[in-house]
Amino acid sequence: MFEQLGLIGCGLMGGSFALGLKRAGLVKRVVGYSQSPATTRKALQLGVIDEAASSALQAASGCDIVLLAVPVAATEVSLQAIQPAITPQMLIMDVGSTKGDVLVAAQRALGEQIGSFVPAHPIAGKEMAGVENADAKLYQGCQTILTPTGETRSSQIQQALQVWQALGSRVVQMSPEAHDAAFAAVSHLPHLLAFAMMNAVTGQPRGQDFLALAGPGFRDFTRIAASDPKVWRDILLANRQELLVQSRHFQAQLLAFEALMAQGDGVALQALIEQASAARSQWQSRG
């Protein structure tokens, strides 16, 4: 059990982590800080945190576990802020959707103290952000990726593994580079396409009329377009090199479909659809 969690960022992800630890009996006390005082107050009112801190440093001071649940672009400044409070025994984690940039930020901000930091990415969330949507069960049944480096202490890696497993996650370890390449394909590109799809439809003169006729398929495809704009701005920029590679793969496939439709080649078009359908069915059966 941890004596005190320092929560830097009291939104959906951080709030759910705090509630999950409390529910599992893994933490006695939670001190929270958000850049928005209103968010910190709301987290206190909802019982997500037990004490509101006036700064990130205050939230981290005296803690044995700290979670950064901030936009990835704010990682470095957040780590710099808490650096004076870090001890060799402290476990520090983040929940960012990119890991290469987070590691670089941590190396700059923490220096020799980087051994306490275990980069983490829980594959969980909701379309609606905010601490009011925090859920103690958010991480149950999800996959959490840990991307420790050679500088990360084994004791902290083991603690991180146990924490996420206690929250109900399946934990996988990989390098930051492998993580960013994979999630550019299966997370960041789908979000980019959903954002573009919504803008493509609503940007047309009759877009709102078309939208009024949309059914479950369109709703399912564009669900993630309602995600937090600031969070996803940072993610798309942070992982843009890998994401641009995946975007080009997608564009090549889209052009192939367009060419077959233009040619009226139903046989070849059906073959491409069957290929996609079979791959989706096989992937779903493995899940």
C-alpha atoms as a PDB file:
ATOM      1  CA  MET A   1       0.000   0.000   0.000  1.00  0.00           C
ATOM      2  CA  PHE A   2       1.108   3.548  -0.747  1.00  0.00           C
ATOM      3  CA  GLU A   3       0.883   6.211   1.907  1.00  0.00           C
ATOM      4  CA  GLN A   4       0.179   9.114  -0.434  1.00  0.00           C
ATOM      5  CA  LEU A   5      -0.506   9.652  -4.130  1.00  0.00           C
ATOM      6  CA  GLY A   6       0.472  12.957  -5.681  1.00  0.00           C
ATOM      7  CA  LEU A   7      -1.895  13.490  -8.602  1.00  0.00           C
ATOM      8  CA  ILE A   8      -0.746  16.056 -11.165  1.00  0.00           C
ATOM      9  CA  GLY A   9      -3.784  16.542 -13.383  1.00  0.00           C
ATOM     10  CA  CYS A  10      -7.177  15.764 -11.855  1.00  0.00           C
ATOM     11  CA  GLY A  11      -9.122  15.022 -15.029  1.00  0.00           C
ATOM     12  CA  LEU A  12     -10.611  11.803 -16.366  1.00  0.00           C
ATOM     13  CA  MET A  13      -7.436   9.708 -16.473  1.00  0.00           C
ATOM     14  CA  GLY A  14      -5.869  10.965 -13.260  1.00  0.00           C
ATOM     15  CA  GLY A  15      -9.154  10.977 -11.390  1.00  0.00           C
ATOM     16  CA  SER A  16      -9.907   7.415 -12.467  1.00  0.00           C
ATOM     17  CA  PHE A  17      -6.441   6.317 -11.342  1.00  0.00           C
ATOM     18  CA  ALA A  18      -6.960   7.872  -7.908  1.00  0.00           C
ATOM     19  CA  LEU A  19     -10.412   6.320  -7.527  1.00  0.00           C
ATOM     20  CA  GLY A  20      -9.096   2.953  -8.693  1.00  0.00           C
ATOM     21  CA  LEU A  21      -6.270   2.997  -6.142  1.00  0.00           C
ATOM     22  CA  LYS A  22      -8.705   3.941  -3.388  1.00  0.00           C
ATOM     23  CA  ARG A  23     -11.146   1.236  -4.413  1.00  0.00           C
ATOM     24  CA  ALA A  24      -8.341  -1.361  -4.405  1.00  0.00           C
ATOM     25  CA  GLY A  25      -7.159  -0.190  -0.982  1.00  0.00           C
ATOM     26  CA  LEU A  26      -3.745   0.706  -2.373  1.00  0.00           C
ATOM     27  CA  VAL A  27      -3.462   4.293  -1.170  1.00  0.00           C
ATOM     28  CA  LYS A  28      -4.301   6.035   2.097  1.00  0.00           C
ATOM     29  CA  ARG A  29      -4.377   9.621   0.883  1.00  0.00           C
ATOM     30  CA  VAL A  30      -4.482  11.541  -2.404  1.00  0.00           C
ATOM     31  CA  VAL A  31      -3.199  15.080  -2.864  1.00  0.00           C
ATOM     32  CA  GLY A  32      -4.134  16.614  -6.192  1.00  0.00           C
ATOM     33  CA  TYR A  33      -3.200  19.569  -8.341  1.00  0.00           C
ATOM     34  CA  SER A  34      -4.542  20.788 -11.671  1.00  0.00           C
ATOM     35  CA  GLN A  35      -3.617  23.872 -13.617  1.00  0.00           C
ATOM     36  CA  SER A  36      -7.269  24.855 -13.361  1.00  0.00           C
ATOM     37  CA  PRO A  37      -8.200  25.567  -9.704  1.00  0.00           C
ATOM     38  CA  ALA A  38     -11.830  24.815 -10.590  1.00  0.00           C
ATOM     39  CA  THR A  39     -10.857  21.275 -11.618  1.00  0.00           C
ATOM     40  CA  THR A  40      -8.937  20.733  -8.386  1.00  0.00           C
ATOM     41  CA  ARG A  41     -11.906  21.989  -6.344  1.00  0.00           C
ATOM     42  CA  LYS A  42     -14.285  19.709  -8.217  1.00  0.00           C
ATOM     43  CA  ALA A  43     -11.987  16.720  -7.640  1.00  0.00           C
ATOM     44  CA  LEU A  44     -11.996  17.515  -3.922  1.00  0.00           C
ATOM     45  CA  GLN A  45     -15.784  17.873  -3.838  1.00  0.00           C
ATOM     46  CA  LEU A  46     -16.232  14.536  -5.630  1.00  0.00           C
ATOM     47  CA  GLY A  47     -13.884  12.737  -3.240  1.00  0.00           C
ATOM     48  CA  VAL A  48     -11.387  11.932  -5.979  1.00  0.00           C
ATOM     49  CA  ILE A  49      -8.664  13.669  -3.960  1.00  0.00           C
ATOM     50  CA  ASP A  50      -8.395  14.227  -0.221  1.00  0.00           C
ATOM     51  CA  GLU A  51      -6.449  17.464  -0.338  1.00  0.00           C
ATOM     52  CA  ALA A  52      -6.075  20.185  -2.963  1.00  0.00           C
ATOM     53  CA  ALA A  53      -2.539  21.423  -3.575  1.00  0.00           C
ATOM     54  CA  SER A  54      -1.686  24.885  -4.865  1.00  0.00           C
ATOM     55  CA  SER A  55       1.198  23.631  -7.017  1.00  0.00           C
ATOM     56  CA  ALA A  56       2.530  20.457  -8.612  1.00  0.00           C
ATOM     57  CA  LEU A  57       5.478  20.531  -6.198  1.00  0.00           C
ATOM     58  CA  GLN A  58       3.170  20.676  -3.201  1.00  0.00           C
ATOM     59  CA  ALA A  59       1.124  17.778  -4.550  1.00  0.00           C
ATOM     60  CA  ALA A  60       4.228  15.612  -5.004  1.00  0.00           C
ATOM     61  CA  SER A  61       5.957  16.510  -1.731  1.00  0.00           C
ATOM     62  CA  GLY A  62       5.962  13.662   0.778  1.00  0.00           C
ATOM     63  CA  CYS A  63       4.405  11.190  -1.672  1.00  0.00           C
ATOM     64  CA  ASP A  64       5.619   7.689  -2.435  1.00  0.00           C
ATOM     65  CA  ILE A  65       3.743   7.551  -5.762  1.00  0.00           C
ATOM     66  CA  VAL A  66       3.118  10.359  -8.254  1.00  0.00           C
ATOM     67  CA  LEU A  67       1.013  10.230 -11.426  1.00  0.00           C
ATOM     68  CA  LEU A  68       1.278  12.814 -14.179  1.00  0.00           C
ATOM     69  CA  ALA A  69      -2.050  12.925 -15.985  1.00  0.00           C
ATOM     70  CA  VAL A  70      -1.355  16.005 -18.080  1.00  0.00           C
ATOM     71  CA  PRO A  71      -1.191  16.642 -21.842  1.00  0.00           C
ATOM     72  CA  VAL A  72       2.020  15.178 -23.248  1.00  0.00           C
ATOM     73  CA  ALA A  73       3.290  18.664 -24.119  1.00  0.00           C
ATOM     74  CA  ALA A  74       3.172  19.538 -20.396  1.00  0.00           C
ATOM     75  CA  THR A  75       5.276  16.554 -19.295  1.00  0.00           C
ATOM     76  CA  GLU A  76       8.624  18.312 -19.094  1.00  0.00           C
ATOM     77  CA  VAL A  77       7.414  21.379 -17.217  1.00  0.00           C
ATOM     78  CA  SER A  78       5.457  19.152 -14.813  1.00  0.00           C
ATOM     79  CA  LEU A  79       8.473  16.962 -14.081  1.00  0.00           C
ATOM     80  CA  GLN A  80      10.653  20.042 -13.615  1.00  0.00           C
ATOM     81  CA  ALA A  81       8.127  21.391 -11.119  1.00  0.00           C
ATOM     82  CA  ILE A  82       8.153  18.261  -8.939  1.00  0.00           C
ATOM     83  CA  GLN A  83      11.886  17.529  -9.277  1.00  0.00           C
ATOM     84  CA  PRO A  84      12.827  18.947  -5.835  1.00  0.00           C
ATOM     85  CA  ALA A  85      10.384  16.531  -4.160  1.00  0.00           C
ATOM     86  CA  ILE A  86      11.613  13.355  -5.855  1.00  0.00           C
ATOM     87  CA  THR A  87      13.244  10.662  -3.737  1.00  0.00           C
ATOM     88  CA  PRO A  88      14.908   7.412  -4.899  1.00  0.00           C
ATOM     89  CA  GLN A  89      12.007   5.434  -3.404  1.00  0.00           C
ATOM     90  CA  MET A  90       9.292   7.401  -5.219  1.00  0.00           C
ATOM     91  CA  LEU A  91       7.416   5.845  -8.146  1.00  0.00           C
ATOM     92  CA  ILE A  92       6.590   8.385 -10.852  1.00  0.00           C
ATOM     93  CA  MET A  93       4.414   7.510 -13.851  1.00  0.00           C
ATOM     94  CA  ASP A  94       2.553   9.276 -16.626  1.00  0.00           C
ATOM     95  CA  VAL A  95      -0.402   8.230 -18.769  1.00  0.00           C
ATOM     96  CA  GLY A  96       0.609   9.883 -22.043  1.00  0.00           C
ATOM     97  CA  SER A  97      -0.338   8.396 -25.397  1.00  0.00           C
ATOM     98  CA  THR A  98       3.153   8.972 -26.816  1.00  0.00           C
ATOM     99  CA  LYS A  99       6.333   7.774 -25.216  1.00  0.00           C
ATOM    100  CA  GLY A 100       9.393   8.852 -27.200  1.00  0.00           C
ATOM    101  CA  ASP A 101       8.813  12.544 -26.496  1.00  0.00           C
ATOM    102  CA  VAL A 102       7.883  11.796 -22.884  1.00  0.00           C
ATOM    103  CA  LEU A 103      11.171   9.976 -22.360  1.00  0.00           C
ATOM    104  CA  VAL A 104      13.174  12.872 -23.835  1.00  0.00           C
ATOM    105  CA  ALA A 105      11.264  15.295 -21.593  1.00  0.00           C
ATOM    106  CA  ALA A 106      11.952  13.126 -18.553  1.00  0.00           C
ATOM    107  CA  GLN A 107      15.659  12.881 -19.327  1.00  0.00           C
ATOM    108  CA  ARG A 108      15.909  16.670 -19.553  1.00  0.00           C
ATOM    109  CA  ALA A 109      13.791  17.355 -16.479  1.00  0.00           C
ATOM    110  CA  LEU A 110      14.937  14.603 -14.112  1.00  0.00           C
ATOM    111  CA  GLY A 111      18.564  13.936 -14.919  1.00  0.00           C
ATOM    112  CA  GLU A 112      19.943  11.364 -12.485  1.00  0.00           C
ATOM    113  CA  GLN A 113      16.515  10.986 -10.882  1.00  0.00           C
ATOM    114  CA  ILE A 114      15.059   9.402 -14.015  1.00  0.00           C
ATOM    115  CA  GLY A 115      15.406   5.981 -12.398  1.00  0.00           C
ATOM    116  CA  SER A 116      12.185   6.690 -10.486  1.00  0.00           C
ATOM    117  CA  PHE A 117      10.190   7.311 -13.665  1.00  0.00           C
ATOM    118  CA  VAL A 118       8.217   4.554 -15.406  1.00  0.00           C
ATOM    119  CA  PRO A 119       6.484   5.828 -18.568  1.00  0.00           C
ATOM    120  CA  ALA A 120       3.038   4.258 -18.872  1.00  0.00           C
ATOM    121  CA  HIS A 121       0.170   4.322 -21.353  1.00  0.00           C
ATOM    122  CA  PRO A 122      -3.133   2.777 -20.245  1.00  0.00           C
ATOM    123  CA  ILE A 123      -5.259   2.035 -23.309  1.00  0.00           C
ATOM    124  CA  ALA A 124      -8.454   3.357 -21.797  1.00  0.00           C
ATOM    125  CA  GLY A 125     -10.597   6.459 -21.779  1.00  0.00           C
ATOM    126  CA  LYS A 126     -13.923   8.010 -22.660  1.00  0.00           C
ATOM    127  CA  GLU A 127     -15.025  10.515 -25.257  1.00  0.00           C
ATOM    128  CA  MET A 128     -16.020  12.930 -22.500  1.00  0.00           C
ATOM    129  CA  ALA A 129     -13.123  14.311 -20.468  1.00  0.00           C
ATOM    130  CA  GLY A 130     -13.236  15.856 -17.010  1.00  0.00           C
ATOM    131  CA  VAL A 131     -13.019  14.661 -13.435  1.00  0.00           C
ATOM    132  CA  GLU A 132     -16.806  14.384 -13.276  1.00  0.00           C
ATOM    133  CA  ASN A 133     -16.459  11.405 -15.648  1.00  0.00           C
ATOM    134  CA  ALA A 134     -13.759   9.691 -13.575  1.00  0.00           C
ATOM    135  CA  ASP A 135     -14.436   6.009 -12.980  1.00  0.00           C
ATOM    136  CA  ALA A 136     -12.693   3.661 -10.533  1.00  0.00           C
ATOM    137  CA  LYS A 137     -13.206   0.815 -13.037  1.00  0.00           C
ATOM    138  CA  LEU A 138     -11.849   2.668 -16.075  1.00  0.00           C
ATOM    139  CA  TYR A 139      -8.663   0.590 -16.238  1.00  0.00           C
ATOM    140  CA  GLN A 140     -10.275  -2.792 -15.631  1.00  0.00           C
ATOM    141  CA  GLY A 141      -9.778  -5.137 -18.560  1.00  0.00           C
ATOM    142  CA  CYS A 142      -7.681  -2.659 -20.521  1.00  0.00           C
ATOM    143  CA  GLN A 143      -4.088  -3.009 -21.637  1.00  0.00           C
ATOM    144  CA  THR A 144      -1.401  -0.803 -20.103  1.00  0.00           C
ATOM    145  CA  ILE A 145       1.913  -0.355 -21.855  1.00  0.00           C
ATOM    146  CA  LEU A 146       5.048   0.295 -19.788  1.00  0.00           C
ATOM    147  CA  THR A 147       8.112   1.641 -21.604  1.00  0.00           C
ATOM    148  CA  PRO A 148      10.956   1.616 -19.062  1.00  0.00           C
ATOM    149  CA  THR A 149      14.525   2.230 -20.185  1.00  0.00           C
ATOM    150  CA  GLY A 150      17.864   0.929 -18.987  1.00  0.00           C
ATOM    151  CA  GLU A 151      17.929   3.828 -16.525  1.00  0.00           C
ATOM    152  CA  THR A 152      14.652   2.863 -14.844  1.00  0.00           C
ATOM    153  CA  ARG A 153      15.137   1.093 -11.511  1.00  0.00           C
ATOM    154  CA  SER A 154      13.836  -2.477 -11.410  1.00  0.00           C
ATOM    155  CA  SER A 155      12.070  -1.819  -8.095  1.00  0.00           C
ATOM    156  CA  GLN A 156      10.003   0.949  -9.704  1.00  0.00           C
ATOM    157  CA  ILE A 157       9.201  -1.223 -12.724  1.00  0.00           C
ATOM    158  CA  GLN A 158       7.937  -3.956 -10.416  1.00  0.00           C
ATOM    159  CA  GLN A 159       5.829  -1.484  -8.454  1.00  0.00           C
ATOM    160  CA  ALA A 160       4.345  -0.046 -11.636  1.00  0.00           C
ATOM    161  CA  LEU A 161       3.506  -3.542 -12.869  1.00  0.00           C
ATOM    162  CA  GLN A 162       1.754  -4.390  -9.607  1.00  0.00           C
ATOM    163  CA  VAL A 163      -0.187  -1.105  -9.514  1.00  0.00           C
ATOM    164  CA  TRP A 164      -1.654  -1.462 -12.987  1.00  0.00           C
ATOM    165  CA  GLN A 165      -2.427  -5.133 -12.466  1.00  0.00           C
ATOM    166  CA  ALA A 166      -4.221  -4.249  -9.228  1.00  0.00           C
ATOM    167  CA  LEU A 167      -6.360  -1.809 -11.226  1.00  0.00           C
ATOM    168  CA  GLY A 168      -7.341  -4.681 -13.521  1.00  0.00           C
ATOM    169  CA  SER A 169      -5.021  -3.969 -16.439  1.00  0.00           C
ATOM    170  CA  ARG A 170      -3.081  -6.407 -18.585  1.00  0.00           C
ATOM    171  CA  VAL A 171       0.469  -5.044 -18.580  1.00  0.00           C
ATOM    172  CA  VAL A 172       2.845  -5.187 -21.543  1.00  0.00           C
ATOM    173  CA  GLN A 173       6.401  -3.823 -21.713  1.00  0.00           C
ATOM    174  CA  MET A 174       8.034  -2.483 -24.881  1.00  0.00           C
ATOM    175  CA  SER A 175      10.437   0.187 -26.023  1.00  0.00           C
ATOM    176  CA  PRO A 176       9.212   3.774 -26.492  1.00  0.00           C
ATOM    177  CA  GLU A 177      10.006   3.509 -30.215  1.00  0.00           C
ATOM    178  CA  ALA A 178       7.976   0.332 -30.698  1.00  0.00           C
ATOM    179  CA  HIS A 179       5.117   1.865 -28.730  1.00  0.00           C
ATOM    180  CA  ASP A 180       4.948   5.022 -30.831  1.00  0.00           C
ATOM    181  CA  ALA A 181       5.104   3.132 -34.117  1.00  0.00           C
ATOM    182  CA  ALA A 182       2.300   0.785 -33.085  1.00  0.00           C
ATOM    183  CA  PHE A 183      -0.021   3.410 -31.674  1.00  0.00           C
ATOM    184  CA  ALA A 184       0.441   5.707 -34.642  1.00  0.00           C
ATOM    185  CA  ALA A 185      -1.243   2.918 -36.606  1.00  0.00           C
ATOM    186  CA  VAL A 186      -3.961   1.713 -34.230  1.00  0.00           C
ATOM    187  CA  SER A 187      -4.826   4.833 -32.210  1.00  0.00           C
ATOM    188  CA  HIS A 188      -3.454   8.100 -33.532  1.00  0.00           C
ATOM    189  CA  LEU A 189      -4.353   7.544 -37.195  1.00  0.00           C
ATOM    190  CA  PRO A 190      -7.949   6.473 -36.391  1.00  0.00           C
ATOM    191  CA  HIS A 191      -8.407   9.671 -34.372  1.00  0.00           C
ATOM    192  CA  LEU A 192      -6.947  11.730 -37.210  1.00  0.00           C
ATOM    193  CA  LEU A 193      -9.358  10.088 -39.669  1.00  0.00           C
ATOM    194  CA  ALA A 194     -12.334  10.653 -37.377  1.00  0.00           C
ATOM    195  CA  PHE A 195     -11.480  14.351 -37.018  1.00  0.00           C
ATOM    196  CA  ALA A 196     -11.029  14.684 -40.782  1.00  0.00           C
ATOM    197  CA  MET A 197     -14.242  12.783 -41.500  1.00  0.00           C
ATOM    198  CA  MET A 198     -16.343  15.078 -39.324  1.00  0.00           C
ATOM    199  CA  ASN A 199     -14.802  18.160 -40.900  1.00  0.00           C
ATOM    200  CA  ALA A 200     -15.255  16.734 -44.401  1.00  0.00           C
ATOM    201  CA  VAL A 201     -18.973  16.235 -43.859  1.00  0.00           C
ATOM    202  CA  THR A 202     -19.770  19.370 -41.871  1.00  0.00           C
ATOM    203  CA  GLY A 203     -17.635  21.526 -44.169  1.00  0.00           C
ATOM    204  CA  GLN A 204     -19.942  20.878 -47.127  1.00  0.00           C
ATOM    205  CA  PRO A 205     -22.843  23.254 -47.915  1.00  0.00           C
ATOM    206  CA  ARG A 206     -25.370  20.486 -47.150  1.00  0.00           C
ATOM    207  CA  GLY A 207     -23.261  18.917 -44.399  1.00  0.00           C
ATOM    208  CA  GLN A 208     -25.768  19.424 -41.595  1.00  0.00           C
ATOM    209  CA  ASP A 209     -28.523  17.868 -43.724  1.00  0.00           C
ATOM    210  CA  PHE A 210     -26.309  14.851 -44.376  1.00  0.00           C
ATOM    211  CA  LEU A 211     -25.442  14.599 -40.702  1.00  0.00           C
ATOM    212  CA  ALA A 212     -29.121  14.520 -39.756  1.00  0.00           C
ATOM    213  CA  LEU A 213     -29.478  11.306 -41.758  1.00  0.00           C
ATOM    214  CA  ALA A 214     -26.412   9.560 -40.302  1.00  0.00           C
ATOM    215  CA  GLY A 215     -26.965   6.222 -38.585  1.00  0.00           C
ATOM    216  CA  PRO A 216     -25.101   3.888 -36.221  1.00  0.00           C
ATOM    217  CA  GLY A 217     -22.255   3.207 -38.656  1.00  0.00           C
ATOM    218  CA  PHE A 218     -21.335   6.871 -38.922  1.00  0.00           C
ATOM    219  CA  ARG A 219     -21.812   7.299 -35.171  1.00  0.00           C
ATOM    220  CA  ASP A 220     -19.466   4.391 -34.419  1.00  0.00           C
ATOM    221  CA  PHE A 221     -16.849   5.511 -36.934  1.00  0.00           C
ATOM    222  CA  THR A 222     -16.729   9.105 -35.691  1.00  0.00           C
ATOM    223  CA  ARG A 223     -17.209   8.473 -31.947  1.00  0.00           C
ATOM    224  CA  ILE A 224     -13.612   9.347 -31.128  1.00  0.00           C
ATOM    225  CA  ALA A 225     -13.856  12.679 -32.961  1.00  0.00           C
ATOM    226  CA  ALA A 226     -15.459  14.002 -29.750  1.00  0.00           C
ATOM    227  CA  SER A 227     -12.157  13.497 -27.892  1.00  0.00           C
ATOM    228  CA  ASP A 228     -10.405  16.338 -26.062  1.00  0.00           C
ATOM    229  CA  PRO A 229      -8.991  18.717 -28.735  1.00  0.00           C
ATOM    230  CA  LYS A 230      -6.007  19.950 -26.706  1.00  0.00           C
ATOM    231  CA  VAL A 231      -4.972  16.436 -25.728  1.00  0.00           C
ATOM    232  CA  TRP A 232      -5.150  15.204 -29.309  1.00  0.00           C
ATOM    233  CA  ARG A 233      -3.436  18.261 -30.740  1.00  0.00           C
ATOM    234  CA  ASP A 234      -0.446  17.404 -28.553  1.00  0.00           C
ATOM    235  CA  ILE A 235      -0.540  13.698 -29.417  1.00  0.00           C
ATOM    236  CA  LEU A 236      -0.718  14.263 -33.176  1.00  0.00           C
ATOM    237  CA  LEU A 237       2.178  16.705 -33.055  1.00  0.00           C
ATOM    238  CA  ALA A 238       4.289  14.666 -30.635  1.00  0.00           C
ATOM    239  CA  ASN A 239       4.081  11.500 -32.754  1.00  0.00           C
ATOM    240  CA  ARG A 240       3.854  13.188 -36.138  1.00  0.00           C
ATOM    241  CA  GLN A 241       6.774  11.347 -37.746  1.00  0.00           C
ATOM    242  CA  GLU A 242       5.285   7.897 -37.130  1.00  0.00           C
ATOM    243  CA  LEU A 243       1.782   9.199 -37.792  1.00  0.00           C
ATOM    244  CA  LEU A 244       2.725  10.654 -41.176  1.00  0.00           C
ATOM    245  CA  VAL A 245       4.133   7.249 -42.160  1.00  0.00           C
ATOM    246  CA  GLN A 246       0.816   5.622 -41.251  1.00  0.00           C
ATOM    247  CA  SER A 247      -1.145   8.365 -43.014  1.00  0.00           C
ATOM    248  CA  ARG A 248       0.718   7.615 -46.236  1.00  0.00           C
ATOM    249  CA  HIS A 249      -0.101   3.901 -45.873  1.00  0.00           C
ATOM    250  CA  PHE A 250      -3.760   4.845 -45.491  1.00  0.00           C
ATOM    251  CA  GLN A 251      -3.704   7.223 -48.446  1.00  0.00           C
ATOM    252  CA  ALA A 252      -2.220   4.503 -50.653  1.00  0.00           C
ATOM    253  CA  GLN A 253      -5.076   2.159 -49.731  1.00  0.00           C
ATOM    254  CA  LEU A 254      -7.679   4.876 -50.245  1.00  0.00           C
ATOM    255  CA  LEU A 255      -6.260   5.641 -53.704  1.00  0.00           C
ATOM    256  CA  ALA A 256      -6.389   1.931 -54.559  1.00  0.00           C
ATOM    257  CA  PHE A 257     -10.084   1.792 -53.643  1.00  0.00           C
ATOM    258  CA  GLU A 258     -10.784   4.999 -55.578  1.00  0.00           C
ATOM    259  CA  ALA A 259      -9.036   3.674 -58.699  1.00  0.00           C
ATOM    260  CA  LEU A 260     -11.059   0.455 -58.711  1.00  0.00           C
ATOM    261  CA  MET A 261     -14.318   2.355 -58.245  1.00  0.00           C
ATOM    262  CA  ALA A 262     -13.405   4.716 -61.084  1.00  0.00           C
ATOM    263  CA  GLN A 263     -12.637   1.729 -63.319  1.00  0.00           C
ATOM    264  CA  GLY A 264     -15.851  -0.044 -62.312  1.00  0.00           C
ATOM    265  CA  ASP A 265     -13.795  -3.114 -61.376  1.00  0.00           C
ATOM    266  CA  GLY A 266     -16.206  -4.876 -59.019  1.00  0.00           C
ATOM    267  CA  VAL A 267     -14.199  -8.091 -58.806  1.00  0.00           C
ATOM    268  CA  ALA A 268     -11.011  -6.383 -57.618  1.00  0.00           C
ATOM    269  CA  LEU A 269     -12.989  -4.048 -55.358  1.00  0.00           C
ATOM    270  CA  GLN A 270     -14.703  -6.973 -53.669  1.00  0.00           C
ATOM    271  CA  ALA A 271     -11.332  -8.675 -53.184  1.00  0.00           C
ATOM    272  CA  LEU A 272     -10.013  -5.643 -51.282  1.00  0.00           C
ATOM    273  CA  ILE A 273     -13.154  -5.511 -49.145  1.00  0.00           C
ATOM    274  CA  GLU A 274     -12.905  -9.246 -48.417  1.00  0.00           C
ATOM    275  CA  GLN A 275      -9.280  -8.796 -47.379  1.00  0.00           C
ATOM    276  CA  ALA A 276     -10.258  -6.084 -44.909  1.00  0.00           C
ATOM    277  CA  SER A 277     -13.298  -8.001 -43.658  1.00  0.00           C
ATOM    278  CA  ALA A 278     -11.282 -11.172 -43.028  1.00  0.00           C
ATOM    279  CA  ALA A 279      -8.527  -9.259 -41.214  1.00  0.00           C
ATOM    280  CA  ARG A 280     -11.101  -7.524 -39.003  1.00  0.00           C
ATOM    281  CA  SER A 281     -12.864 -10.800 -38.188  1.00  0.00           C
ATOM    282  CA  GLN A 282      -9.623 -12.548 -37.287  1.00  0.00           C
ATOM    283  CA  TRP A 283      -8.511  -9.660 -35.076  1.00  0.00           C
ATOM    284  CA  GLN A 284     -11.904  -9.513 -33.323  1.00  0.00           C
ATOM    285  CA  SER A 285     -11.860 -13.269 -32.642  1.00  0.00           C
ATOM    286  CA  ARG A 286      -8.428 -12.957 -30.989  1.00  0.00           C
ATOM    287  CA  GLY A 287      -9.762 -10.212 -28.690  1.00  0.00           C
END
